[in-house]
C-alpha atoms as a PDB file:
ATOM      1  CA  MET A   1       0.074  -0.059  -0.136  1.00  0.00           C
ATOM      2  CA  ALA A   2       2.919   2.379   0.872  1.00  0.00           C
ATOM      3  CA  ARG A   3       4.513   1.734  -2.435  1.00  0.00           C
ATOM      4  CA  HIS A   4       1.673   2.291  -4.291  1.00  0.00           C
ATOM      5  CA  GLY A   5       0.747   5.672  -2.955  1.00  0.00           C
ATOM      6  CA  TRP A   6       4.340   6.847  -3.449  1.00  0.00           C
ATOM      7  CA  GLY A   7       4.122   6.024  -7.171  1.00  0.00           C
ATOM      8  CA  ASN A   8       0.942   8.038  -7.730  1.00  0.00           C
ATOM      9  CA  GLN A   9       2.537  10.877  -5.896  1.00  0.00           C
ATOM     10  CA  GLY A  10       5.808  10.738  -8.003  1.00  0.00           C
ATOM     11  CA  ARG A  11       3.759  10.599 -11.323  1.00  0.00           C
ATOM     12  CA  GLY A  12       1.610  13.713 -10.189  1.00  0.00           C
ATOM     13  CA  LYS A  13       4.888  15.705  -9.513  1.00  0.00           C
ATOM     14  CA  TRP A  14       6.233  14.950 -12.818  1.00  0.00           C
ATOM     15  CA  TRP A  15       3.203  16.005 -14.565  1.00  0.00           C
ATOM     16  CA  CYS A  16       3.061  19.245 -13.012  1.00  0.00           C
ATOM     17  CA  SER A  17       6.707  19.862 -14.049  1.00  0.00           C
ATOM     18  CA  TYR A  18       5.941  19.282 -17.493  1.00  0.00           C
ATOM     19  CA  LYS A  19       2.988  21.591 -17.730  1.00  0.00           C
ATOM     20  CA  ARG A  20       5.020  24.345 -16.390  1.00  0.00           C
ATOM     21  CA  THR A  21       7.898  23.962 -18.902  1.00  0.00           C
ATOM     22  CA  ILE A  22       5.397  24.034 -21.737  1.00  0.00           C
ATOM     23  CA  LEU A  23       3.704  27.212 -20.330  1.00  0.00           C
ATOM     24  CA  PHE A  24       7.306  28.581 -19.683  1.00  0.00           C
ATOM     25  CA  ILE A  25       8.292  28.136 -23.124  1.00  0.00           C
ATOM     26  CA  CYS A  26       5.016  29.436 -24.553  1.00  0.00           C
ATOM     27  CA  SER A  27       5.346  32.580 -22.648  1.00  0.00           C
ATOM     28  CA  ILE A  28       8.733  33.194 -23.885  1.00  0.00           C
ATOM     29  CA  ASN A  29       7.525  32.956 -27.753  1.00  0.00           C
ATOM     30  CA  ILE A  30       4.790  35.237 -27.083  1.00  0.00           C
ATOM     31  CA  VAL A  31       7.007  37.736 -25.502  1.00  0.00           C
ATOM     32  CA  VAL A  32       9.295  37.340 -28.396  1.00  0.00           C
ATOM     33  CA  ALA A  33       6.537  37.446 -31.195  1.00  0.00           C
ATOM     34  CA  LEU A  34       5.233  40.870 -29.465  1.00  0.00           C
ATOM     35  CA  TYR A  35       8.746  42.249 -29.547  1.00  0.00           C
ATOM     36  CA  VAL A  36       9.245  41.493 -33.195  1.00  0.00           C
ATOM     37  CA  VAL A  37       5.862  43.289 -34.160  1.00  0.00           C
ATOM     38  CA  TYR A  38       6.705  46.097 -32.054  1.00  0.00           C
ATOM     39  CA  GLY A  39      10.186  46.429 -33.668  1.00  0.00           C
ATOM     40  CA  LEU A  40       8.479  46.340 -37.376  1.00  0.00           C
ATOM     41  CA  TYR A  41       5.641  48.863 -36.534  1.00  0.00           C
ATOM     42  CA  SER A  42       8.293  51.098 -34.970  1.00  0.00           C
ATOM     43  CA  SER A  43      10.470  51.005 -37.997  1.00  0.00           C
ATOM     44  CA  LEU A  44       7.660  51.590 -40.355  1.00  0.00           C
ATOM     45  CA  TYR A  45       6.189  54.609 -38.483  1.00  0.00           C
ATOM     46  CA  ILE A  46       9.650  56.367 -38.237  1.00  0.00           C
ATOM     47  CA  HIS A  47      10.302  55.687 -41.853  1.00  0.00           C
ATOM     48  CA  SER A  48       6.827  57.020 -43.046  1.00  0.00           C
ATOM     49  CA  ASN A  49       7.398  60.147 -40.848  1.00  0.00           C
ATOM     50  CA  HIS A  50      11.069  60.429 -41.738  1.00  0.00           C
ATOM     51  CA  TYR A  51      11.101  60.086 -45.430  1.00  0.00           C
ATOM     52  CA  PRO A  52       8.384  62.604 -46.710  1.00  0.00           C
ATOM     53  CA  GLN A  53      10.224  65.130 -44.782  1.00  0.00           C
ATOM     54  CA  GLN A  54      13.511  64.438 -46.713  1.00  0.00           C
ATOM     55  CA  SER A  55      11.759  64.330 -49.978  1.00  0.00           C
ATOM     56  CA  LEU A  56       9.903  67.385 -49.674  1.00  0.00           C
ATOM     57  CA  LYS A  57      12.930  69.529 -48.754  1.00  0.00           C
ATOM     58  CA  TYR A  58      13.930  71.676 -52.353  1.00  0.00           C
ATOM     59  CA  SER A  59      16.641  74.179 -52.559  1.00  0.00           C
ATOM     60  CA  PRO A  60      15.596  77.666 -53.405  1.00  0.00           C
ATOM     61  CA  ASN A  61      17.386  77.090 -56.934  1.00  0.00           C
ATOM     62  CA  GLN A  62      15.252  73.887 -57.402  1.00  0.00           C
ATOM     63  CA  ILE A  63      12.183  75.989 -56.682  1.00  0.00           C
ATOM     64  CA  LYS A  64      13.243  78.980 -58.925  1.00  0.00           C
ATOM     65  CA  LYS A  65      13.637  76.307 -61.982  1.00  0.00           C
ATOM     66  CA  MET A  66      10.236  74.683 -61.112  1.00  0.00           C
ATOM     67  CA  GLU A  67       8.337  78.156 -61.270  1.00  0.00           C
ATOM     68  CA  GLU A  68      10.238  78.827 -64.418  1.00  0.00           C
ATOM     69  CA  SER A  69       9.150  76.013 -66.155  1.00  0.00           C
ATOM     70  CA  VAL A  70       5.630  76.228 -64.981  1.00  0.00           C
ATOM     71  CA  ARG A  71       5.903  79.743 -66.571  1.00  0.00           C
ATOM     72  CA  ILE A  72       7.268  78.640 -69.981  1.00  0.00           C
ATOM     73  CA  ARG A  73       4.438  75.790 -70.145  1.00  0.00           C
ATOM     74  CA  LYS A  74       1.788  78.726 -69.695  1.00  0.00           C
ATOM     75  CA  SER A  75       3.296  80.781 -72.241  1.00  0.00           C
ATOM     76  CA  ALA A  76       3.781  78.146 -74.756  1.00  0.00           C
ATOM     77  CA  LYS A  77       0.114  77.125 -74.457  1.00  0.00           C
ATOM     78  CA  PRO A  78      -1.696  78.351 -77.721  1.00  0.00           C
ATOM     79  CA  THR A  79      -4.379  80.280 -76.269  1.00  0.00           C
ATOM     80  CA  GLU A  80      -5.431  82.302 -79.354  1.00  0.00           C
ATOM     81  CA  LEU A  81      -5.591  78.774 -81.298  1.00  0.00           C
ATOM     82  CA  VAL A  82      -7.768  77.276 -78.664  1.00  0.00           C
ATOM     83  CA  LYS A  83     -10.110  80.114 -78.738  1.00  0.00           C
ATOM     84  CA  VAL A  84     -10.412  79.775 -82.677  1.00  0.00           C
ATOM     85  CA  VAL A  85     -11.115  76.096 -82.394  1.00  0.00           C
ATOM     86  CA  GLU A  86     -13.816  76.577 -79.794  1.00  0.00           C
ATOM     87  CA  GLU A  87     -15.391  79.125 -81.975  1.00  0.00           C
ATOM     88  CA  ILE A  88     -15.279  76.759 -85.000  1.00  0.00           C
ATOM     89  CA  LYS A  89     -17.018  74.119 -82.909  1.00  0.00           C
ATOM     90  CA  LYS A  90     -19.740  76.324 -81.756  1.00  0.00           C
ATOM     91  CA  GLU A  91     -20.174  77.505 -85.283  1.00  0.00           C
ATOM     92  CA  MET A  92     -20.317  73.823 -86.570  1.00  0.00           C
ATOM     93  CA  ASP A  93     -22.527  72.861 -83.734  1.00  0.00           C
ATOM     94  CA  GLY A  94     -25.234  75.688 -84.917  1.00  0.00           C
ATOM     95  CA  ARG A  95     -24.938  74.653 -88.445  1.00  0.00           C
ATOM     96  CA  ARG A  96     -25.610  71.032 -87.361  1.00  0.00           C
ATOM     97  CA  ARG A  97     -28.621  71.811 -85.060  1.00  0.00           C
ATOM     98  CA  ARG A  98     -31.622  69.492 -86.087  1.00  0.00           C
ATOM     99  CA  VAL A  99     -34.641  71.276 -87.922  1.00  0.00           C
ATOM    100  CA  ASN A 100     -37.935  70.249 -86.149  1.00  0.00           C
ATOM    101  CA  LEU A 101     -39.676  69.180 -89.439  1.00  0.00           C
ATOM    102  CA  SER A 102     -41.591  65.825 -90.022  1.00  0.00           C
ATOM    103  CA  ARG A 103     -40.462  63.384 -92.623  1.00  0.00           C
ATOM    104  CA  HIS A 104     -43.521  64.285 -94.580  1.00  0.00           C
ATOM    105  CA  LEU A 105     -42.389  68.012 -94.926  1.00  0.00           C
ATOM    106  CA  LYS A 106     -38.872  67.222 -95.649  1.00  0.00           C
ATOM    107  CA  GLN A 107     -39.841  65.078 -98.457  1.00  0.00           C
ATOM    108  CA  MET A 108     -42.298  67.537 -99.719  1.00  0.00           C
ATOM    109  CA  ILE A 109     -39.564  70.261 -99.801  1.00  0.00           C
ATOM    110  CA  THR A 110     -37.082  67.767-101.499  1.00  0.00           C
ATOM    111  CA  ASP A 111     -39.656  66.803-104.130  1.00  0.00           C
ATOM    112  CA  GLU A 112     -40.739  70.350-105.044  1.00  0.00           C
ATOM    113  CA  ILE A 113     -37.180  71.606-105.263  1.00  0.00           C
ATOM    114  CA  LEU A 114     -36.110  68.938-107.325  1.00  0.00           C
ATOM    115  CA  GLN A 115     -38.898  69.348-109.725  1.00  0.00           C
ATOM    116  CA  ARG A 116     -38.211  73.064-110.093  1.00  0.00           C
ATOM    117  CA  LEU A 117     -34.412  72.129-110.806  1.00  0.00           C
ATOM    118  CA  ARG A 118     -35.626  69.477-113.607  1.00  0.00           C
ATOM    119  CA  GLU A 119     -37.488  72.283-115.344  1.00  0.00           C
ATOM    120  CA  LEU A 120     -34.357  74.333-115.886  1.00  0.00           C
ATOM    121  CA  PRO A 121     -32.632  73.986-119.373  1.00  0.00           C
ATOM    122  CA  ALA A 122     -29.947  71.381-119.503  1.00  0.00           C
ATOM    123  CA  ASN A 123     -27.129  73.886-119.620  1.00  0.00           C
ATOM    124  CA  ALA A 124     -28.518  76.096-116.670  1.00  0.00           C
ATOM    125  CA  ASN A 125     -25.555  77.492-114.690  1.00  0.00           C
ATOM    126  CA  VAL A 126     -24.957  77.777-110.822  1.00  0.00           C
ATOM    127  CA  SER A 127     -26.544  81.104-110.604  1.00  0.00           C
ATOM    128  CA  GLU A 128     -29.700  79.892-112.379  1.00  0.00           C
ATOM    129  CA  GLN A 129     -29.941  76.964-110.208  1.00  0.00           C
ATOM    130  CA  ARG A 130     -29.445  78.859-106.839  1.00  0.00           C
ATOM    131  CA  GLY A 131     -31.827  81.717-108.109  1.00  0.00           C
ATOM    132  CA  THR A 132     -34.587  78.968-108.877  1.00  0.00           C
ATOM    133  CA  VAL A 133     -34.279  77.256-105.487  1.00  0.00           C
ATOM    134  CA  GLU A 134     -34.229  80.731-103.768  1.00  0.00           C
ATOM    135  CA  THR A 135     -37.302  81.843-105.746  1.00  0.00           C
ATOM    136  CA  TRP A 136     -39.303  78.709-104.533  1.00  0.00           C
ATOM    137  CA  ARG A 137     -38.074  79.348-101.033  1.00  0.00           C
ATOM    138  CA  LYS A 138     -39.556  82.709-100.851  1.00  0.00           C
ATOM    139  CA  GLU A 139     -43.069  81.701-102.581  1.00  0.00           C
ATOM    140  CA  LYS A 140     -43.112  78.583-100.014  1.00  0.00           C
ATOM    141  CA  VAL A 141     -42.668  81.009 -97.114  1.00  0.00           C
ATOM    142  CA  GLN A 142     -45.304  83.622 -98.276  1.00  0.00           C
ATOM    143  CA  GLU A 143     -47.633  80.529 -98.892  1.00  0.00           C
ATOM    144  CA  ALA A 144     -47.007  79.440 -95.170  1.00  0.00           C
ATOM    145  CA  LYS A 145     -47.590  82.916 -93.817  1.00  0.00           C
ATOM    146  CA  ARG A 146     -50.991  83.186 -95.514  1.00  0.00           C
ATOM    147  CA  LEU A 147     -51.849  80.117 -94.083  1.00  0.00           C
ATOM    148  CA  MET A 148     -51.014  81.171 -90.601  1.00  0.00           C
ATOM    149  CA  ILE A 149     -53.389  84.181 -90.796  1.00  0.00           C
ATOM    150  CA  GLY A 150     -56.044  82.067 -92.067  1.00  0.00           C
ATOM    151  CA  GLN A 151     -56.240  83.033 -95.730  1.00  0.00           C
ATOM    152  CA  ALA A 152     -57.745  80.261 -97.882  1.00  0.00           C
ATOM    153  CA  VAL A 153     -54.598  78.956-100.053  1.00  0.00           C
ATOM    154  CA  ASN A 154     -54.535  75.957-102.305  1.00  0.00           C
ATOM    155  CA  SER A 155     -51.532  74.237-100.502  1.00  0.00           C
ATOM    156  CA  THR A 156     -50.237  70.882 -99.811  1.00  0.00           C
ATOM    157  CA  ILE A 157     -49.305  71.899 -96.157  1.00  0.00           C
ATOM    158  CA  SER A 158     -51.620  72.460 -93.269  1.00  0.00           C
ATOM    159  CA  SER A 159     -52.084  75.580 -90.919  1.00  0.00           C
ATOM    160  CA  ASP A 160     -50.383  73.526 -88.022  1.00  0.00           C
ATOM    161  CA  GLU A 161     -47.292  72.762 -90.111  1.00  0.00           C
ATOM    162  CA  ALA A 162     -47.013  76.380 -91.501  1.00  0.00           C
ATOM    163  CA  GLY A 163     -45.389  77.837 -88.534  1.00  0.00           C
ATOM    164  CA  MET A 164     -42.614  75.244 -88.055  1.00  0.00           C
ATOM    165  CA  LEU A 165     -42.025  75.395 -91.950  1.00  0.00           C
ATOM    166  CA  THR A 166     -41.803  79.266 -91.872  1.00  0.00           C
ATOM    167  CA  ASP A 167     -39.116  79.185 -89.057  1.00  0.00           C
ATOM    168  CA  ALA A 168     -37.100  76.547 -90.687  1.00  0.00           C
ATOM    169  CA  MET A 169     -37.039  78.044 -94.249  1.00  0.00           C
ATOM    170  CA  GLU A 170     -36.285  81.753 -92.905  1.00  0.00           C
ATOM    171  CA  SER A 171     -33.864  81.163 -89.931  1.00  0.00           C
ATOM    172  CA  LYS A 172     -32.847  77.765 -90.521  1.00  0.00           C
ATOM    173  CA  TRP A 173     -32.481  77.452 -94.340  1.00  0.00           C
ATOM    174  CA  SER A 174     -28.874  76.300 -94.588  1.00  0.00           C
ATOM    175  CA  ALA A 175     -29.343  73.679 -91.812  1.00  0.00           C
ATOM    176  CA  LEU A 176     -32.370  72.206 -93.489  1.00  0.00           C
ATOM    177  CA  LEU A 177     -30.547  72.034 -96.914  1.00  0.00           C
ATOM    178  CA  GLU A 178     -27.756  70.198 -95.098  1.00  0.00           C
ATOM    179  CA  GLU A 179     -30.386  67.921 -93.136  1.00  0.00           C
ATOM    180  CA  ILE A 180     -32.140  66.649 -96.352  1.00  0.00           C
ATOM    181  CA  GLY A 181     -29.004  66.219 -98.264  1.00  0.00           C
ATOM    182  CA  LEU A 182     -29.389  68.837-100.929  1.00  0.00           C
ATOM    183  CA  TRP A 183     -25.992  70.235-101.973  1.00  0.00           C
ATOM    184  CA  MET A 184     -25.865  73.398-103.952  1.00  0.00           C
ATOM    185  CA  PRO A 185     -22.716  74.040-105.886  1.00  0.00           C
ATOM    186  CA  VAL A 186     -20.995  77.323-104.650  1.00  0.00           C
ATOM    187  CA  GLU A 187     -20.944  80.133-107.220  1.00  0.00           C
ATOM    188  CA  ILE A 188     -17.453  81.080-108.315  1.00  0.00           C
ATOM    189  CA  THR A 189     -16.894  84.389-110.038  1.00  0.00           C
ATOM    190  CA  ASN A 190     -13.690  84.927-112.251  1.00  0.00           C
ATOM    191  CA  LYS A 191     -12.834  88.236-113.390  1.00  0.00           C
ATOM    192  CA  GLU A 192     -11.395  88.352-116.742  1.00  0.00           C
ATOM    193  CA  HIS A 193     -10.307  91.003-119.414  1.00  0.00           C
ATOM    194  CA  ASP A 194     -12.616  91.302-122.156  1.00  0.00           C
ATOM    195  CA  ASP A 195      -9.761  90.974-124.626  1.00  0.00           C
ATOM    196  CA  LYS A 196     -11.086  87.764-126.697  1.00  0.00           C
ATOM    197  CA  PRO A 197     -11.679  88.307-130.430  1.00  0.00           C
ATOM    198  CA  GLU A 198     -15.121  88.633-131.654  1.00  0.00           C
ATOM    199  CA  GLY A 199     -16.696  85.314-132.769  1.00  0.00           C
ATOM    200  CA  ILE A 200     -15.256  83.038-130.235  1.00  0.00           C
ATOM    201  CA  ASP A 201     -17.743  81.216-127.910  1.00  0.00           C
ATOM    202  CA  GLU A 202     -17.347  81.855-123.926  1.00  0.00           C
ATOM    203  CA  PHE A 203     -17.199  78.784-121.875  1.00  0.00           C
ATOM    204  CA  GLU A 204     -20.242  78.094-119.976  1.00  0.00           C
ATOM    205  CA  GLU A 205     -19.969  78.311-116.234  1.00  0.00           C
ATOM    206  CA  ALA A 206     -19.227  75.024-114.356  1.00  0.00           C
ATOM    207  CA  PRO A 207     -22.274  73.439-112.576  1.00  0.00           C
ATOM    208  CA  LEU A 208     -19.365  72.177-109.826  1.00  0.00           C
ATOM    209  CA  PRO A 209     -16.857  74.221-108.136  1.00  0.00           C
ATOM    210  CA  GLY A 210     -13.386  74.149-109.492  1.00  0.00           C
ATOM    211  CA  ARG A 211     -12.510  73.916-113.290  1.00  0.00           C
ATOM    212  CA  PRO A 212     -15.229  72.845-115.888  1.00  0.00           C
ATOM    213  CA  VAL A 213     -16.036  69.142-116.218  1.00  0.00           C
ATOM    214  CA  PRO A 214     -15.179  68.244-119.982  1.00  0.00           C
ATOM    215  CA  PRO A 215     -18.058  67.091-122.026  1.00  0.00           C
ATOM    216  CA  GLU A 216     -16.603  63.546-122.479  1.00  0.00           C
ATOM    217  CA  CYS A 217     -16.932  63.171-118.626  1.00  0.00           C
ATOM    218  CA  HIS A 218     -20.794  63.068-118.852  1.00  0.00           C
ATOM    219  CA  ALA A 219     -21.351  64.348-115.344  1.00  0.00           C
ATOM    220  CA  GLU A 220     -24.449  63.774-113.497  1.00  0.00           C
ATOM    221  CA  LEU A 221     -25.398  65.459-110.363  1.00  0.00           C
ATOM    222  CA  HIS A 222     -27.022  63.590-107.198  1.00  0.00           C
ATOM    223  CA  THR A 223     -25.820  60.169-108.913  1.00  0.00           C
ATOM    224  CA  ASP A 224     -23.969  57.326-107.642  1.00  0.00           C
ATOM    225  CA  TYR A 225     -22.989  54.388-110.096  1.00  0.00           C
ATOM    226  CA  ASP A 226     -22.058  50.932-109.284  1.00  0.00           C
ATOM    227  CA  GLY A 227     -18.867  49.001-110.298  1.00  0.00           C
ATOM    228  CA  ALA A 228     -15.701  47.278-109.209  1.00  0.00           C
ATOM    229  CA  ALA A 229     -13.214  49.674-107.821  1.00  0.00           C
ATOM    230  CA  VAL A 230     -10.008  50.297-109.871  1.00  0.00           C
ATOM    231  CA  ARG A 231      -8.792  52.905-107.206  1.00  0.00           C
ATOM    232  CA  TRP A 232     -10.341  53.346-103.740  1.00  0.00           C
ATOM    233  CA  GLY A 233     -11.616  56.933-102.954  1.00  0.00           C
ATOM    234  CA  LEU A 234     -10.826  56.740 -99.352  1.00  0.00           C
ATOM    235  CA  THR A 235      -7.089  57.411-100.198  1.00  0.00           C
ATOM    236  CA  HIS A 236      -7.633  59.225-103.338  1.00  0.00           C
ATOM    237  CA  HIS A 237      -8.918  62.831-103.150  1.00  0.00           C
ATOM    238  CA  LYS A 238      -9.074  65.248-106.083  1.00  0.00           C
ATOM    239  CA  GLU A 239      -9.767  69.035-105.977  1.00  0.00           C
ATOM    240  CA  SER A 240     -12.542  68.809-108.179  1.00  0.00           C
ATOM    241  CA  ALA A 241     -15.140  66.577-110.382  1.00  0.00           C
ATOM    242  CA  ALA A 242     -13.381  67.572-113.497  1.00  0.00           C
ATOM    243  CA  ASP A 243      -9.763  66.270-111.828  1.00  0.00           C
ATOM    244  CA  CYS A 244     -11.421  63.083-110.932  1.00  0.00           C
ATOM    245  CA  CYS A 245     -12.859  62.497-114.312  1.00  0.00           C
ATOM    246  CA  LEU A 246      -9.359  62.984-115.779  1.00  0.00           C
ATOM    247  CA  ALA A 247      -7.885  60.703-113.357  1.00  0.00           C
ATOM    248  CA  CYS A 248     -10.231  57.943-114.633  1.00  0.00           C
ATOM    249  CA  LEU A 249      -9.371  58.804-118.047  1.00  0.00           C
ATOM    250  CA  ASP A 250      -5.687  58.780-117.287  1.00  0.00           C
ATOM    251  CA  GLN A 251      -5.987  55.341-115.411  1.00  0.00           C
ATOM    252  CA  ALA A 252      -7.660  53.722-118.513  1.00  0.00           C
ATOM    253  CA  LYS A 253      -5.100  54.908-120.665  1.00  0.00           C
ATOM    254  CA  ARG A 254      -2.058  53.552-118.537  1.00  0.00           C
ATOM    255  CA  ALA A 255      -3.640  50.212-117.571  1.00  0.00           C
ATOM    256  CA  LYS A 256      -1.678  47.241-118.429  1.00  0.00           C
ATOM    257  CA  PRO A 257      -3.285  44.323-120.611  1.00  0.00           C
ATOM    258  CA  GLY A 258      -5.302  42.359-118.513  1.00  0.00           C
ATOM    259  CA  GLU A 259      -6.014  45.212-116.103  1.00  0.00           C
ATOM    260  CA  LYS A 260      -9.326  46.595-115.445  1.00  0.00           C
ATOM    261  CA  LYS A 261      -9.708  50.013-117.260  1.00  0.00           C
ATOM    262  CA  CYS A 262     -11.634  52.918-115.522  1.00  0.00           C
ATOM    263  CA  ASN A 263     -14.863  53.756-117.338  1.00  0.00           C
ATOM    264  CA  ILE A 264     -16.718  55.128-114.213  1.00  0.00           C
ATOM    265  CA  TRP A 265     -15.834  58.108-111.960  1.00  0.00           C
ATOM    266  CA  VAL A 266     -17.844  58.905-108.597  1.00  0.00           C
ATOM    267  CA  TYR A 267     -16.882  62.167-106.672  1.00  0.00           C
ATOM    268  CA  CYS A 268     -17.960  63.662-103.224  1.00  0.00           C
ATOM    269  CA  PRO A 269     -18.415  67.363-103.630  1.00  0.00           C
ATOM    270  CA  SER A 270     -20.036  67.919-100.294  1.00  0.00           C
ATOM    271  CA  GLU A 271     -17.766  69.476 -97.688  1.00  0.00           C
ATOM    272  CA  SER A 272     -19.751  67.586 -94.955  1.00  0.00           C
ATOM    273  CA  GLY A 273     -19.070  64.260 -96.812  1.00  0.00           C
ATOM    274  CA  CYS A 274     -21.314  61.940 -98.611  1.00  0.00           C
ATOM    275  CA  TYR A 275     -23.663  59.143 -97.354  1.00  0.00           C
ATOM    276  CA  SER A 276     -22.872  55.619 -98.378  1.00  0.00           C
ATOM    277  CA  PRO A 277     -24.475  52.413 -96.980  1.00  0.00           C
ATOM    278  CA  ASP A 278     -21.071  50.783 -96.367  1.00  0.00           C
ATOM    279  CA  ILE A 279     -19.009  50.941 -93.064  1.00  0.00           C
ATOM    280  CA  TYR A 280     -16.870  53.920 -93.958  1.00  0.00           C
ATOM    281  CA  GLU A 281     -16.845  57.546 -93.516  1.00  0.00           C
ATOM    282  CA  HIS A 282     -16.731  58.972 -96.855  1.00  0.00           C
ATOM    283  CA  LYS A 283     -15.295  62.580 -96.856  1.00  0.00           C
ATOM    284  CA  PHE A 284     -15.138  65.834 -99.057  1.00  0.00           C
ATOM    285  CA  GLN A 285     -13.138  65.280-102.483  1.00  0.00           C
ATOM    286  CA  GLU A 286     -13.190  61.560-102.515  1.00  0.00           C
ATOM    287  CA  CYS A 287     -12.566  60.256-105.926  1.00  0.00           C
ATOM    288  CA  TRP A 288     -13.661  56.650-106.631  1.00  0.00           C
ATOM    289  CA  LEU A 289     -12.542  54.924-110.128  1.00  0.00           C
ATOM    290  CA  LYS A 290     -14.479  52.035-111.033  1.00  0.00           C
ATOM    291  CA  TYR A 291     -15.093  49.612-113.878  1.00  0.00           C
ATOM    292  CA  ALA A 292     -18.389  47.920-115.127  1.00  0.00           C
ATOM    293  CA  GLN A 293     -18.771  46.283-118.521  1.00  0.00           C
ATOM    294  CA  ALA A 294     -22.541  47.564-118.288  1.00  0.00           C
ATOM    295  CA  PRO A 295     -22.693  50.615-115.888  1.00  0.00           C
ATOM    296  CA  ARG A 296     -25.574  50.181-113.368  1.00  0.00           C
ATOM    297  CA  LEU A 297     -26.806  52.960-111.066  1.00  0.00           C
ATOM    298  CA  ASN A 298     -26.706  52.501-107.299  1.00  0.00           C
ATOM    299  CA  PHE A 299     -28.883  55.610-106.638  1.00  0.00           C
ATOM    300  CA  LYS A 300     -30.134  58.568-108.619  1.00  0.00           C
ATOM    301  CA  ASP A 301     -31.760  61.934-107.459  1.00  0.00           C
ATOM    302  CA  ASN A 302     -32.953  60.977-103.969  1.00  0.00           C
ATOM    303  CA  TYR A 303     -33.241  57.946-101.843  1.00  0.00           C
ATOM    304  CA  SER A 304     -36.748  56.433-101.621  1.00  0.00           C
ATOM    305  CA  GLU A 305     -38.659  56.673 -98.518  1.00  0.00           C
ATOM    306  CA  SER A 306     -38.581  52.817 -98.060  1.00  0.00           C
ATOM    307  CA  TYR A 307     -34.876  52.830 -98.071  1.00  0.00           C
ATOM    308  CA  ARG A 308     -34.571  55.696 -95.710  1.00  0.00           C
ATOM    309  CA  SER A 309     -36.779  53.687 -93.487  1.00  0.00           C
ATOM    310  CA  SER A 310     -34.215  50.897 -93.287  1.00  0.00           C
ATOM    311  CA  HIS A 311     -31.314  53.067 -93.346  1.00  0.00           C
ATOM    312  CA  PRO A 312     -32.010  55.981 -90.885  1.00  0.00           C
ATOM    313  CA  MET A 313     -28.766  57.862 -91.569  1.00  0.00           C
ATOM    314  CA  ALA A 314     -29.397  58.240 -95.084  1.00  0.00           C
ATOM    315  CA  PRO A 315     -30.371  61.782 -96.334  1.00  0.00           C
ATOM    316  CA  LEU A 316     -33.076  62.618 -98.872  1.00  0.00           C
ATOM    317  CA  VAL A 317     -30.841  63.544-101.741  1.00  0.00           C
ATOM    318  CA  VAL A 318     -27.891  61.444-102.994  1.00  0.00           C
ATOM    319  CA  PRO A 319     -24.877  63.649-102.661  1.00  0.00           C
ATOM    320  CA  TRP A 320     -22.574  62.098-105.098  1.00  0.00           C
ATOM    321  CA  VAL A 321     -21.676  63.124-108.624  1.00  0.00           C
ATOM    322  CA  SER A 322     -20.771  60.616-111.210  1.00  0.00           C
ATOM    323  CA  GLY A 323     -20.069  59.946-114.758  1.00  0.00           C
ATOM    324  CA  VAL A 324     -19.553  57.177-117.399  1.00  0.00           C
ATOM    325  CA  VAL A 325     -16.780  57.461-119.964  1.00  0.00           C
ATOM    326  CA  THR A 326     -16.311  55.849-123.230  1.00  0.00           C
ATOM    327  CA  LEU A 327     -13.121  54.172-123.457  1.00  0.00           C
END
């Protein structure tokens, strides 16, 4: 009995000694870990407070150079050019403002203007074309004003539409022409000395800006011909329709055996660009050289209402100028 009691007592003392050893070692590890964490935090805190103070210290000479650099950048800024660009943007935004007219009215305006232009002689010059359109505009404004005051007028527009039509044709006429896609050639006045001998015929005024289009070019306004591209117009620009036609004739003369010879030229005379149903943005003065064994029209005069319903970006009038030449 005595021996058994002593054995239990010895084992209990050993177990207590083992637990104390483990607790002591764990305590030491915790103290060491806390010390390491404290040391890292202290070093980061000291570094973050100390480093910026050193990096933000500039000498008077450095400060003077920085101020001089800022002054030079400000003086080099093209302030006048920026003002001019802003004014141009405002002007273009004003020109591109939309005209609040229904599609029915825009179609009516287009049809009546084209009808007046078709009634002109085939050799009508730019002044006659612009004068005809201006006369029609004044007559339409007077007609709309009489409708507004209740006078009986045989008109295709209603009294409710008369006010909007008057405002569009008086204050937004240029924007309206651009929106319906009706491009009018700019009149070019050349002063020449009257020193030609009698009996020599004068050249007729060109219907397009630039030098006159030769008769063999067979130029057609508001026309777009189809054909295989001999020269892409995206990278081929000419100053006038006449130059575009001459480029077509020159390509046909220089073409090697087996190569396609240009017999169709298509030119964009509108400064705002020309519409086409493809993915490209067609710009002013694009000159497309094409070939077709049997030339076929893509579009002529104006785009149909059904076409514009499926192509909302299409204008009312075909902006291109084209011609078919004889090889």
